Structure formats: C-alpha cells, structure tokens
Amino acid sequence: MCSQHGFVATPESLSQGLREELRDRLRADTDHYTVNEATMSTAHRVDWEQLTTDLIRAGFTISSIAREVEVGRSTITSYREYGHTPRHETGERLICLWCATTGRLRSEAPRIASESVIAHVNILTG
C-alpha cells in the first residue's frame, strides 16, 4: 500500500532517506491487510516476472531492482526467467517498490492463478 502514502519512486529518486521510509512503511503495511486481500493472496500468487517487468519499464534495471530490495542480481533474474518465488521479506520489498513506482495498491499487483484455483475452475466448468 505504499502508493497510499503519496509517493511514486523512480530509480533516481530513491535516496537513502526514502529507502528507509520505504522499509518503515513496508513493516507498517502488514497492519493494513484486509480479509479480501488475504483471501486473494491465497488464491492467486504474485506474477514476479510481470512485476519486475513493470519496474524495468519504469526505468529500473535488474541490478537497480536487486540493489533496492537488497538481493543479488541473479536472484531477481531467477524470479524473471525461472519462475522462482522470493522469500517473504524480499517479496514484500518488491511489492512495496512496485507500489511506490507505479502508484498502484498492493492488491493491484500482477497475479497468476494458483494451480489449485485453476483445477477448481476446471472442475466447475467441466
């Protein structure tokens, strides 16, 4: 929900102060989950490839994304190219960076239906 706090990030605008503010807001964000967001997150997983693509389109590089979320460049590449899922804290940082960059809510983060949801829909639709 970083976008609710009134800032939009670009790679150049993330000063040390803003980075610290993002981290503080990320910690505070967990207090703002709603039942709908929690339910949606269990039904759909984040599309990390699309999320990082959105950041790159906004002007970040893989290296700058990695630097902002405090992981190695190869870690970001593994999300994009191999479909790996980040650890919880790293995923939260990525979502917060995406929210700050795009000005959108965390509930609007790109998502992929999980296999269990797809299987359930297939059963219902025959």
N, C-alpha and C. Protein backbone atom coordinates (compact mmCIF):
# COMPACT_ATOMS: atom_id res chain seq x y z
N MET A 1 0.82 -1.18 0.00
CA MET A 1 0.00 0.00 0.00
C MET A 1 0.86 1.24 0.00
N CYS A 2 2.04 1.11 -0.48
CA CYS A 2 2.94 2.24 -0.48
C CYS A 2 2.37 3.42 -1.24
N SER A 3 1.61 3.14 -2.30
CA SER A 3 1.07 4.24 -3.09
C SER A 3 0.08 5.08 -2.30
N GLN A 4 -0.50 4.54 -1.25
CA GLN A 4 -1.42 5.31 -0.44
C GLN A 4 -0.70 6.37 0.36
N HIS A 5 0.62 6.24 0.46
CA HIS A 5 1.39 7.18 1.25
C HIS A 5 1.85 8.38 0.44
N GLY A 6 1.44 8.45 -0.82
CA GLY A 6 1.65 9.65 -1.61
C GLY A 6 3.01 9.82 -2.25
N PHE A 7 3.72 8.76 -2.55
CA PHE A 7 4.96 8.92 -3.28
C PHE A 7 5.06 7.91 -4.40
N VAL A 8 5.73 8.31 -5.46
CA VAL A 8 5.98 7.43 -6.59
C VAL A 8 7.49 7.41 -6.79
N ALA A 9 8.06 6.23 -6.88
CA ALA A 9 9.51 6.10 -6.96
C ALA A 9 10.00 5.96 -8.38
N THR A 10 11.17 6.47 -8.62
CA THR A 10 11.93 6.20 -9.83
C THR A 10 13.31 5.75 -9.36
N PRO A 11 14.09 5.11 -10.20
CA PRO A 11 15.41 4.66 -9.74
C PRO A 11 16.25 5.81 -9.20
N GLU A 12 16.14 6.97 -9.82
CA GLU A 12 16.95 8.11 -9.41
C GLU A 12 16.46 8.75 -8.12
N SER A 13 15.18 8.58 -7.79
CA SER A 13 14.61 9.30 -6.66
C SER A 13 14.76 8.58 -5.33
N LEU A 14 15.25 7.36 -5.35
CA LEU A 14 15.31 6.60 -4.10
C LEU A 14 16.57 6.95 -3.31
N SER A 15 16.48 8.01 -2.56
CA SER A 15 17.57 8.42 -1.70
C SER A 15 17.63 7.48 -0.50
N GLN A 16 18.68 7.58 0.27
CA GLN A 16 18.79 6.74 1.47
C GLN A 16 17.61 6.99 2.40
N GLY A 17 17.20 8.24 2.54
CA GLY A 17 16.05 8.55 3.39
C GLY A 17 14.79 7.90 2.90
N LEU A 18 14.57 7.91 1.59
CA LEU A 18 13.38 7.30 1.02
C LEU A 18 13.44 5.79 1.17
N ARG A 19 14.63 5.23 1.00
CA ARG A 19 14.78 3.78 1.19
C ARG A 19 14.38 3.40 2.62
N GLU A 20 14.84 4.18 3.59
CA GLU A 20 14.49 3.90 4.98
C GLU A 20 12.99 4.07 5.21
N GLU A 21 12.40 5.09 4.59
CA GLU A 21 10.96 5.30 4.72
C GLU A 21 10.19 4.13 4.09
N LEU A 22 10.64 3.66 2.93
CA LEU A 22 10.00 2.50 2.30
C LEU A 22 10.05 1.30 3.22
N ARG A 23 11.21 1.07 3.83
CA ARG A 23 11.33 -0.08 4.73
C ARG A 23 10.40 0.06 5.94
N ASP A 24 10.32 1.28 6.51
CA ASP A 24 9.42 1.50 7.63
C ASP A 24 7.97 1.29 7.23
N ARG A 25 7.61 1.81 6.06
CA ARG A 25 6.23 1.67 5.60
C ARG A 25 5.92 0.21 5.27
N LEU A 26 6.91 -0.51 4.76
CA LEU A 26 6.72 -1.93 4.47
C LEU A 26 6.40 -2.67 5.76
N ARG A 27 7.13 -2.36 6.82
CA ARG A 27 6.85 -3.02 8.11
C ARG A 27 5.45 -2.66 8.59
N ALA A 28 5.04 -1.40 8.40
CA ALA A 28 3.72 -0.96 8.85
C ALA A 28 2.61 -1.50 7.96
N ASP A 29 2.93 -1.81 6.70
CA ASP A 29 1.91 -2.28 5.74
C ASP A 29 1.20 -3.53 6.20
N THR A 30 1.89 -4.39 6.92
CA THR A 30 1.26 -5.65 7.32
C THR A 30 0.07 -5.42 8.23
N ASP A 31 -0.03 -4.26 8.85
CA ASP A 31 -1.18 -3.94 9.70
C ASP A 31 -2.41 -3.56 8.90
N HIS A 32 -2.26 -3.36 7.59
CA HIS A 32 -3.35 -2.85 6.77
C HIS A 32 -4.02 -3.90 5.90
N TYR A 33 -3.63 -5.17 6.03
CA TYR A 33 -4.25 -6.20 5.21
C TYR A 33 -5.73 -6.30 5.52
N THR A 34 -6.52 -6.53 4.51
CA THR A 34 -7.95 -6.76 4.70
C THR A 34 -8.23 -8.23 4.44
N VAL A 35 -9.39 -8.68 4.80
CA VAL A 35 -9.76 -10.07 4.55
C VAL A 35 -9.72 -10.35 3.06
N ASN A 36 -10.21 -9.42 2.24
CA ASN A 36 -10.22 -9.63 0.79
C ASN A 36 -8.81 -9.79 0.25
N GLU A 37 -7.88 -8.95 0.71
CA GLU A 37 -6.50 -9.07 0.24
C GLU A 37 -5.89 -10.39 0.67
N ALA A 38 -6.15 -10.80 1.91
CA ALA A 38 -5.59 -12.06 2.39
C ALA A 38 -6.17 -13.23 1.61
N THR A 39 -7.47 -13.20 1.35
CA THR A 39 -8.11 -14.26 0.58
C THR A 39 -7.58 -14.30 -0.83
N MET A 40 -7.44 -13.12 -1.46
CA MET A 40 -6.95 -13.07 -2.83
C MET A 40 -5.53 -13.61 -2.90
N SER A 41 -4.69 -13.26 -1.91
CA SER A 41 -3.30 -13.68 -1.99
C SER A 41 -3.16 -15.19 -1.85
N THR A 42 -4.11 -15.85 -1.18
CA THR A 42 -4.02 -17.30 -1.09
C THR A 42 -4.53 -17.95 -2.37
N ALA A 43 -5.42 -17.27 -3.09
CA ALA A 43 -5.98 -17.83 -4.31
C ALA A 43 -5.10 -17.56 -5.52
N HIS A 44 -4.34 -16.50 -5.50
CA HIS A 44 -3.50 -16.10 -6.62
C HIS A 44 -2.12 -15.74 -6.09
N ARG A 45 -1.12 -16.20 -6.80
CA ARG A 45 0.23 -15.82 -6.40
C ARG A 45 0.70 -14.65 -7.24
N VAL A 46 1.65 -13.91 -6.73
CA VAL A 46 2.17 -12.75 -7.44
C VAL A 46 2.91 -13.23 -8.69
N ASP A 47 2.71 -12.52 -9.77
CA ASP A 47 3.42 -12.78 -11.02
C ASP A 47 4.72 -11.97 -10.96
N TRP A 48 5.76 -12.59 -10.42
CA TRP A 48 7.03 -11.89 -10.19
C TRP A 48 7.66 -11.45 -11.50
N GLU A 49 7.49 -12.23 -12.55
CA GLU A 49 8.04 -11.84 -13.85
C GLU A 49 7.40 -10.53 -14.32
N GLN A 50 6.08 -10.45 -14.25
CA GLN A 50 5.39 -9.24 -14.69
C GLN A 50 5.70 -8.06 -13.76
N LEU A 51 5.77 -8.32 -12.46
CA LEU A 51 6.07 -7.25 -11.51
C LEU A 51 7.44 -6.65 -11.80
N THR A 52 8.45 -7.50 -12.03
CA THR A 52 9.78 -6.97 -12.33
C THR A 52 9.82 -6.32 -13.71
N THR A 53 9.04 -6.84 -14.65
CA THR A 53 8.95 -6.21 -15.98
C THR A 53 8.38 -4.80 -15.86
N ASP A 54 7.36 -4.63 -15.02
CA ASP A 54 6.80 -3.29 -14.78
C ASP A 54 7.85 -2.34 -14.24
N LEU A 55 8.69 -2.83 -13.32
CA LEU A 55 9.75 -1.99 -12.75
C LEU A 55 10.77 -1.62 -13.81
N ILE A 56 11.12 -2.57 -14.67
CA ILE A 56 12.08 -2.29 -15.74
C ILE A 56 11.50 -1.27 -16.72
N ARG A 57 10.24 -1.41 -17.06
CA ARG A 57 9.59 -0.44 -17.95
C ARG A 57 9.56 0.95 -17.33
N ALA A 58 9.57 1.01 -16.00
CA ALA A 58 9.56 2.30 -15.30
C ALA A 58 10.96 2.90 -15.20
N GLY A 59 11.98 2.17 -15.66
CA GLY A 59 13.32 2.73 -15.70
C GLY A 59 14.34 2.03 -14.82
N PHE A 60 13.93 1.05 -14.06
CA PHE A 60 14.88 0.29 -13.25
C PHE A 60 15.62 -0.71 -14.14
N THR A 61 16.79 -1.13 -13.69
CA THR A 61 17.50 -2.24 -14.31
C THR A 61 17.39 -3.42 -13.34
N ILE A 62 17.75 -4.60 -13.79
CA ILE A 62 17.75 -5.74 -12.88
C ILE A 62 18.68 -5.45 -11.70
N SER A 63 19.82 -4.84 -12.00
CA SER A 63 20.77 -4.51 -10.93
C SER A 63 20.20 -3.51 -9.94
N SER A 64 19.49 -2.49 -10.45
CA SER A 64 18.95 -1.48 -9.53
C SER A 64 17.79 -2.05 -8.70
N ILE A 65 17.00 -2.94 -9.29
CA ILE A 65 15.95 -3.61 -8.52
C ILE A 65 16.60 -4.42 -7.40
N ALA A 66 17.61 -5.20 -7.76
CA ALA A 66 18.31 -6.03 -6.78
C ALA A 66 18.88 -5.19 -5.65
N ARG A 67 19.47 -4.07 -6.00
CA ARG A 67 20.05 -3.17 -5.00
C ARG A 67 18.97 -2.64 -4.06
N GLU A 68 17.83 -2.24 -4.62
CA GLU A 68 16.76 -1.66 -3.80
C GLU A 68 16.14 -2.66 -2.83
N VAL A 69 16.05 -3.93 -3.23
CA VAL A 69 15.44 -4.93 -2.35
C VAL A 69 16.48 -5.78 -1.62
N GLU A 70 17.76 -5.39 -1.79
CA GLU A 70 18.87 -5.98 -1.05
C GLU A 70 19.06 -7.47 -1.31
N VAL A 71 19.07 -7.83 -2.60
CA VAL A 71 19.41 -9.20 -3.02
C VAL A 71 20.38 -9.11 -4.19
N GLY A 72 20.91 -10.23 -4.58
CA GLY A 72 21.81 -10.26 -5.73
C GLY A 72 21.05 -10.16 -7.05
N ARG A 73 21.75 -9.70 -8.07
CA ARG A 73 21.16 -9.58 -9.41
C ARG A 73 20.63 -10.93 -9.91
N SER A 74 21.39 -12.00 -9.64
CA SER A 74 20.97 -13.33 -10.10
C SER A 74 19.67 -13.77 -9.43
N THR A 75 19.40 -13.26 -8.24
CA THR A 75 18.16 -13.60 -7.54
C THR A 75 16.96 -13.02 -8.29
N ILE A 76 17.07 -11.76 -8.71
CA ILE A 76 15.99 -11.13 -9.48
C ILE A 76 15.83 -11.86 -10.81
N THR A 77 16.94 -12.22 -11.43
CA THR A 77 16.88 -12.96 -12.70
C THR A 77 16.17 -14.30 -12.50
N SER A 78 16.38 -14.94 -11.36
CA SER A 78 15.73 -16.24 -11.13
C SER A 78 14.21 -16.09 -11.03
N TYR A 79 13.72 -14.95 -10.54
CA TYR A 79 12.27 -14.72 -10.49
C TYR A 79 11.73 -14.50 -11.91
N ARG A 80 12.49 -13.80 -12.70
CA ARG A 80 12.05 -13.44 -14.06
C ARG A 80 12.14 -14.62 -15.03
N GLU A 81 13.24 -15.32 -15.00
CA GLU A 81 13.49 -16.32 -16.03
C GLU A 81 13.13 -17.75 -15.65
N TYR A 82 13.13 -18.04 -14.35
CA TYR A 82 12.91 -19.43 -13.93
C TYR A 82 11.66 -19.60 -13.07
N GLY A 83 10.93 -18.53 -12.85
CA GLY A 83 9.69 -18.62 -12.10
C GLY A 83 9.86 -18.89 -10.62
N HIS A 84 11.06 -18.62 -10.09
CA HIS A 84 11.27 -18.82 -8.67
C HIS A 84 10.47 -17.80 -7.87
N THR A 85 10.14 -18.16 -6.66
CA THR A 85 9.38 -17.28 -5.77
C THR A 85 10.32 -16.73 -4.71
N PRO A 86 10.26 -15.43 -4.46
CA PRO A 86 11.16 -14.85 -3.44
C PRO A 86 10.75 -15.26 -2.03
N ARG A 87 11.70 -15.14 -1.12
CA ARG A 87 11.36 -15.30 0.29
C ARG A 87 10.39 -14.18 0.66
N HIS A 88 9.64 -14.39 1.72
CA HIS A 88 8.56 -13.47 2.08
C HIS A 88 9.04 -12.01 2.17
N GLU A 89 10.10 -11.78 2.92
CA GLU A 89 10.58 -10.41 3.12
C GLU A 89 11.00 -9.77 1.80
N THR A 90 11.68 -10.52 0.95
CA THR A 90 12.10 -9.99 -0.35
C THR A 90 10.89 -9.71 -1.22
N GLY A 91 9.92 -10.61 -1.21
CA GLY A 91 8.69 -10.39 -1.97
C GLY A 91 7.96 -9.14 -1.51
N GLU A 92 7.91 -8.93 -0.20
CA GLU A 92 7.27 -7.72 0.32
C GLU A 92 8.01 -6.46 -0.14
N ARG A 93 9.33 -6.52 -0.14
CA ARG A 93 10.11 -5.37 -0.61
C ARG A 93 9.84 -5.10 -2.09
N LEU A 94 9.78 -6.17 -2.88
CA LEU A 94 9.50 -6.00 -4.31
C LEU A 94 8.12 -5.39 -4.53
N ILE A 95 7.13 -5.88 -3.80
CA ILE A 95 5.78 -5.34 -3.94
C ILE A 95 5.74 -3.88 -3.51
N CYS A 96 6.40 -3.55 -2.41
CA CYS A 96 6.43 -2.17 -1.95
C CYS A 96 7.11 -1.27 -2.98
N LEU A 97 8.22 -1.72 -3.56
CA LEU A 97 8.90 -0.95 -4.60
C LEU A 97 7.98 -0.79 -5.80
N TRP A 98 7.27 -1.85 -6.19
CA TRP A 98 6.34 -1.79 -7.32
C TRP A 98 5.23 -0.78 -7.03
N CYS A 99 4.67 -0.82 -5.82
CA CYS A 99 3.61 0.12 -5.45
C CYS A 99 4.12 1.56 -5.50
N ALA A 100 5.29 1.78 -4.94
CA ALA A 100 5.86 3.13 -4.92
C ALA A 100 6.17 3.62 -6.32
N THR A 101 6.58 2.71 -7.20
CA THR A 101 6.95 3.08 -8.56
C THR A 101 5.74 3.32 -9.44
N THR A 102 4.75 2.45 -9.32
CA THR A 102 3.58 2.54 -10.22
C THR A 102 2.47 3.41 -9.66
N GLY A 103 2.50 3.69 -8.35
CA GLY A 103 1.42 4.45 -7.74
C GLY A 103 0.16 3.62 -7.55
N ARG A 104 0.28 2.30 -7.63
CA ARG A 104 -0.88 1.42 -7.50
C ARG A 104 -0.87 0.72 -6.14
N LEU A 105 -2.00 0.16 -5.76
CA LEU A 105 -2.14 -0.54 -4.49
C LEU A 105 -1.55 -1.94 -4.58
N ARG A 106 -1.14 -2.48 -3.44
CA ARG A 106 -0.59 -3.84 -3.42
C ARG A 106 -1.61 -4.86 -3.91
N SER A 107 -2.88 -4.61 -3.69
CA SER A 107 -3.91 -5.55 -4.17
C SER A 107 -4.01 -5.55 -5.70
N GLU A 108 -3.39 -4.57 -6.35
CA GLU A 108 -3.38 -4.50 -7.81
C GLU A 108 -2.12 -5.11 -8.42
N ALA A 109 -1.25 -5.64 -7.59
CA ALA A 109 -0.02 -6.26 -8.10
C ALA A 109 -0.39 -7.39 -9.06
N PRO A 110 0.40 -7.58 -10.12
CA PRO A 110 0.08 -8.63 -11.09
C PRO A 110 0.07 -10.00 -10.42
N ARG A 111 -0.93 -10.79 -10.75
CA ARG A 111 -1.10 -12.10 -10.11
C ARG A 111 -1.36 -13.18 -11.14
N ILE A 112 -1.03 -14.41 -10.74
CA ILE A 112 -1.29 -15.60 -11.54
C ILE A 112 -2.14 -16.51 -10.68
N ALA A 113 -3.18 -17.08 -11.26
CA ALA A 113 -4.00 -18.03 -10.52
C ALA A 113 -3.16 -19.24 -10.16
N SER A 114 -3.28 -19.70 -8.92
CA SER A 114 -2.53 -20.88 -8.50
C SER A 114 -3.12 -22.12 -9.14
N GLU A 115 -2.34 -23.19 -9.14
CA GLU A 115 -2.79 -24.43 -9.76
C GLU A 115 -4.06 -24.95 -9.10
N SER A 116 -4.18 -24.78 -7.78
CA SER A 116 -5.38 -25.28 -7.10
C SER A 116 -6.61 -24.51 -7.53
N VAL A 117 -6.47 -23.21 -7.76
CA VAL A 117 -7.60 -22.41 -8.23
C VAL A 117 -7.95 -22.80 -9.65
N ILE A 118 -6.94 -22.99 -10.49
CA ILE A 118 -7.18 -23.40 -11.88
C ILE A 118 -7.87 -24.76 -11.91
N ALA A 119 -7.43 -25.70 -11.08
CA ALA A 119 -8.05 -27.03 -11.03
C ALA A 119 -9.50 -26.91 -10.58
N HIS A 120 -9.77 -26.05 -9.60
CA HIS A 120 -11.13 -25.87 -9.11
C HIS A 120 -12.02 -25.29 -10.19
N VAL A 121 -11.51 -24.33 -10.94
CA VAL A 121 -12.29 -23.74 -12.04
C VAL A 121 -12.54 -24.77 -13.11
N ASN A 122 -11.53 -25.60 -13.42
CA ASN A 122 -11.72 -26.65 -14.43
C ASN A 122 -12.79 -27.65 -14.01
N ILE A 123 -12.82 -27.98 -12.72
CA ILE A 123 -13.85 -28.90 -12.22
C ILE A 123 -15.24 -28.27 -12.38
N LEU A 124 -15.35 -26.99 -12.04
CA LEU A 124 -16.64 -26.31 -12.11
C LEU A 124 -17.13 -26.11 -13.54
N THR A 125 -16.20 -25.88 -14.46
CA THR A 125 -16.59 -25.61 -15.84
C THR A 125 -16.58 -26.87 -16.71
N GLY A 126 -16.08 -27.96 -16.17
CA GLY A 126 -16.11 -29.24 -16.83
C GLY A 126 -15.17 -29.32 -17.96
